[in-house]
Amino acid sequence: MHLLLFCRARFPILQGNLTFLETGHITFYIGCNGCNKTVNSVQGVHFQCLHCGNKNGVTSKRFGLGVNISDATSVLDTTLFTNEVFKLLHVLQIYETPDRVDCGQLIIKSKPSLSQLHLN
């Protein structure tokens, strides 16, 4: 997929190709809904997070998707985390929860597209 990445104003606009590094379903871990740090618990538990101090923390699924971003000058292997995974699925018009999405669907849906993805 050819991708234009727009970051906040203080960051440059990146234009490049996006390749998915994973096969199978998008991976997830259980983490704090405030700071996204891994939590050794099950989903839906209310707790006070030891990492960020959030007194109203809730454990939830947090997603990670390995990608390769390349252009004519460089190549970058990185991980898109929960917010960016949801944005990417929206751009590709895939309206399922990420843990139900097979990376093969992403490859098929992304091949012909020119997309814009705003990263935080």
C-alpha atoms as a PDB file:
ATOM      1  CA  MET A   1       0.000   0.000   0.000  1.00  0.00           C
ATOM      2  CA  HIS A   2       1.307   3.460  -0.814  1.00  0.00           C
ATOM      3  CA  LEU A   3       0.849   5.548   2.287  1.00  0.00           C
ATOM      4  CA  LEU A   4       1.027   9.194   3.237  1.00  0.00           C
ATOM      5  CA  LEU A   5       1.732   9.542   6.952  1.00  0.00           C
ATOM      6  CA  PHE A   6       0.723  12.834   8.534  1.00  0.00           C
ATOM      7  CA  CYS A   7       1.955  13.480  12.041  1.00  0.00           C
ATOM      8  CA  ARG A   8       1.311  16.431  14.326  1.00  0.00           C
ATOM      9  CA  ALA A   9       2.428  19.817  12.992  1.00  0.00           C
ATOM     10  CA  ARG A  10       5.912  19.609  14.502  1.00  0.00           C
ATOM     11  CA  PHE A  11       6.674  16.435  12.520  1.00  0.00           C
ATOM     12  CA  PRO A  12       7.244  16.153   8.774  1.00  0.00           C
ATOM     13  CA  ILE A  13       4.925  14.444   6.319  1.00  0.00           C
ATOM     14  CA  LEU A  14       6.221  11.010   5.346  1.00  0.00           C
ATOM     15  CA  GLN A  15       5.321   9.363   2.073  1.00  0.00           C
ATOM     16  CA  GLY A  16       6.153   5.720   1.530  1.00  0.00           C
ATOM     17  CA  ASN A  17       5.055   2.140   1.096  1.00  0.00           C
ATOM     18  CA  LEU A  18       3.587   0.110   3.929  1.00  0.00           C
ATOM     19  CA  THR A  19       4.183  -3.645   4.125  1.00  0.00           C
ATOM     20  CA  PHE A  20       2.746  -5.895   6.823  1.00  0.00           C
ATOM     21  CA  LEU A  21       5.328  -8.039   8.638  1.00  0.00           C
ATOM     22  CA  GLU A  22       2.875 -10.389  10.307  1.00  0.00           C
ATOM     23  CA  THR A  23       0.709 -13.278   9.228  1.00  0.00           C
ATOM     24  CA  GLY A  24      -2.369 -14.579  10.992  1.00  0.00           C
ATOM     25  CA  HIS A  25      -4.465 -12.482  13.349  1.00  0.00           C
ATOM     26  CA  ILE A  26      -3.340  -9.138  14.724  1.00  0.00           C
ATOM     27  CA  THR A  27      -1.685  -9.788  18.083  1.00  0.00           C
ATOM     28  CA  PHE A  28      -2.894  -8.306  21.356  1.00  0.00           C
ATOM     29  CA  TYR A  29      -1.911  -8.115  24.995  1.00  0.00           C
ATOM     30  CA  ILE A  30      -3.833  -7.091  28.114  1.00  0.00           C
ATOM     31  CA  GLY A  31      -2.857  -3.606  29.250  1.00  0.00           C
ATOM     32  CA  CYS A  32      -3.882  -0.496  31.150  1.00  0.00           C
ATOM     33  CA  ASN A  33      -6.442   1.657  29.349  1.00  0.00           C
ATOM     34  CA  GLY A  34      -4.539   4.751  30.501  1.00  0.00           C
ATOM     35  CA  CYS A  35      -0.857   4.116  29.768  1.00  0.00           C
ATOM     36  CA  ASN A  36      -1.071   0.958  27.609  1.00  0.00           C
ATOM     37  CA  LYS A  37       1.510  -0.865  29.753  1.00  0.00           C
ATOM     38  CA  THR A  38       1.167  -4.644  29.987  1.00  0.00           C
ATOM     39  CA  VAL A  39      -0.841  -5.849  32.983  1.00  0.00           C
ATOM     40  CA  ASN A  40      -0.774  -9.409  34.297  1.00  0.00           C
ATOM     41  CA  SER A  41      -4.544  -9.838  34.472  1.00  0.00           C
ATOM     42  CA  VAL A  42      -7.614 -10.654  32.423  1.00  0.00           C
ATOM     43  CA  GLN A  43      -9.640  -8.196  30.374  1.00  0.00           C
ATOM     44  CA  GLY A  44     -12.186  -5.961  32.143  1.00  0.00           C
ATOM     45  CA  VAL A  45     -10.644  -5.787  35.632  1.00  0.00           C
ATOM     46  CA  HIS A  46     -10.787  -2.418  37.452  1.00  0.00           C
ATOM     47  CA  PHE A  47      -7.540  -1.523  39.225  1.00  0.00           C
ATOM     48  CA  GLN A  48      -5.117   1.245  40.183  1.00  0.00           C
ATOM     49  CA  CYS A  49      -2.264   1.192  37.698  1.00  0.00           C
ATOM     50  CA  LEU A  50       1.201   0.973  39.238  1.00  0.00           C
ATOM     51  CA  HIS A  51       2.747   2.447  36.073  1.00  0.00           C
ATOM     52  CA  CYS A  52       0.681   5.614  35.503  1.00  0.00           C
ATOM     53  CA  GLY A  53      -1.176   5.923  38.826  1.00  0.00           C
ATOM     54  CA  ASN A  54      -4.605   5.861  37.161  1.00  0.00           C
ATOM     55  CA  LYS A  55      -7.016   5.080  40.009  1.00  0.00           C
ATOM     56  CA  ASN A  56      -9.804   4.134  37.602  1.00  0.00           C
ATOM     57  CA  GLY A  57      -7.780   1.848  35.340  1.00  0.00           C
ATOM     58  CA  VAL A  58      -9.435  -0.961  33.426  1.00  0.00           C
ATOM     59  CA  THR A  59      -7.587  -3.806  31.749  1.00  0.00           C
ATOM     60  CA  SER A  60      -8.307  -3.993  28.038  1.00  0.00           C
ATOM     61  CA  LYS A  61      -6.984  -5.512  24.839  1.00  0.00           C
ATOM     62  CA  ARG A  62      -4.120  -3.494  23.371  1.00  0.00           C
ATOM     63  CA  PHE A  63      -3.033  -4.286  19.812  1.00  0.00           C
ATOM     64  CA  GLY A  64       0.285  -4.329  17.980  1.00  0.00           C
ATOM     65  CA  LEU A  65       0.933  -4.780  14.260  1.00  0.00           C
ATOM     66  CA  GLY A  66       4.431  -5.078  12.818  1.00  0.00           C
ATOM     67  CA  VAL A  67       4.904  -3.050   9.645  1.00  0.00           C
ATOM     68  CA  ASN A  68       7.644  -1.968   7.280  1.00  0.00           C
ATOM     69  CA  ILE A  69       7.547   1.611   5.987  1.00  0.00           C
ATOM     70  CA  SER A  70       9.842   2.353   3.061  1.00  0.00           C
ATOM     71  CA  ASP A  71      10.528   5.073   0.529  1.00  0.00           C
ATOM     72  CA  ALA A  72      13.315   5.833  -1.940  1.00  0.00           C
ATOM     73  CA  THR A  73      15.716   6.808   0.843  1.00  0.00           C
ATOM     74  CA  SER A  74      15.158   4.464   3.760  1.00  0.00           C
ATOM     75  CA  VAL A  75      13.354   1.507   5.332  1.00  0.00           C
ATOM     76  CA  LEU A  76      11.818   1.404   8.809  1.00  0.00           C
ATOM     77  CA  ASP A  77      10.473  -1.652  10.646  1.00  0.00           C
ATOM     78  CA  THR A  78       8.147  -0.553  13.432  1.00  0.00           C
ATOM     79  CA  THR A  79       5.044  -1.511  15.367  1.00  0.00           C
ATOM     80  CA  LEU A  80       1.703   0.249  15.052  1.00  0.00           C
ATOM     81  CA  PHE A  81      -0.069   0.135  18.402  1.00  0.00           C
ATOM     82  CA  THR A  82      -3.761   0.229  19.314  1.00  0.00           C
ATOM     83  CA  ASN A  83      -4.781   3.723  18.148  1.00  0.00           C
ATOM     84  CA  GLU A  84      -2.895   3.447  14.861  1.00  0.00           C
ATOM     85  CA  VAL A  85      -4.202  -0.090  14.250  1.00  0.00           C
ATOM     86  CA  PHE A  86      -7.782   1.202  14.574  1.00  0.00           C
ATOM     87  CA  LYS A  87      -6.996   4.126  12.240  1.00  0.00           C
ATOM     88  CA  LEU A  88      -5.466   1.778   9.665  1.00  0.00           C
ATOM     89  CA  LEU A  89      -8.466  -0.562   9.779  1.00  0.00           C
ATOM     90  CA  HIS A  90     -10.758   2.435   9.305  1.00  0.00           C
ATOM     91  CA  VAL A  91      -8.752   3.634   6.278  1.00  0.00           C
ATOM     92  CA  LEU A  92      -8.999   0.124   4.790  1.00  0.00           C
ATOM     93  CA  GLN A  93     -12.734   0.024   5.598  1.00  0.00           C
ATOM     94  CA  ILE A  94     -12.428  -3.056   7.807  1.00  0.00           C
ATOM     95  CA  TYR A  95     -15.017  -2.761  10.566  1.00  0.00           C
ATOM     96  CA  GLU A  96     -14.123  -5.673  12.850  1.00  0.00           C
ATOM     97  CA  THR A  97     -12.252  -5.717  16.125  1.00  0.00           C
ATOM     98  CA  PRO A  98      -8.516  -6.065  15.406  1.00  0.00           C
ATOM     99  CA  ASP A  99      -8.222  -9.466  17.101  1.00  0.00           C
ATOM    100  CA  ARG A 100     -10.692 -10.865  14.527  1.00  0.00           C
ATOM    101  CA  VAL A 101      -8.773  -9.473  11.549  1.00  0.00           C
ATOM    102  CA  ASP A 102      -6.396 -11.736   9.668  1.00  0.00           C
ATOM    103  CA  CYS A 103      -3.346  -9.922   8.291  1.00  0.00           C
ATOM    104  CA  GLY A 104      -4.115 -11.565   4.944  1.00  0.00           C
ATOM    105  CA  GLN A 105      -7.256  -9.372   4.793  1.00  0.00           C
ATOM    106  CA  LEU A 106      -5.076  -6.306   5.273  1.00  0.00           C
ATOM    107  CA  ILE A 107      -2.775  -7.276   2.425  1.00  0.00           C
ATOM    108  CA  ILE A 108      -5.658  -7.894   0.012  1.00  0.00           C
ATOM    109  CA  LYS A 109      -7.511  -4.689   0.982  1.00  0.00           C
ATOM    110  CA  SER A 110      -4.397  -2.493   0.919  1.00  0.00           C
ATOM    111  CA  LYS A 111      -2.809  -3.460  -2.401  1.00  0.00           C
ATOM    112  CA  PRO A 112      -4.431  -0.962  -4.757  1.00  0.00           C
ATOM    113  CA  SER A 113      -4.924   1.900  -2.351  1.00  0.00           C
ATOM    114  CA  LEU A 114      -3.346   5.257  -1.781  1.00  0.00           C
ATOM    115  CA  SER A 115      -4.150   6.096   1.812  1.00  0.00           C
ATOM    116  CA  GLN A 116      -3.608   8.769   4.401  1.00  0.00           C
ATOM    117  CA  LEU A 117      -3.000   7.818   8.014  1.00  0.00           C
ATOM    118  CA  HIS A 118      -2.641  10.446  10.743  1.00  0.00           C
ATOM    119  CA  LEU A 119      -0.300   9.223  13.484  1.00  0.00           C
ATOM    120  CA  ASN A 120      -0.116  10.747  16.960  1.00  0.00           C
END
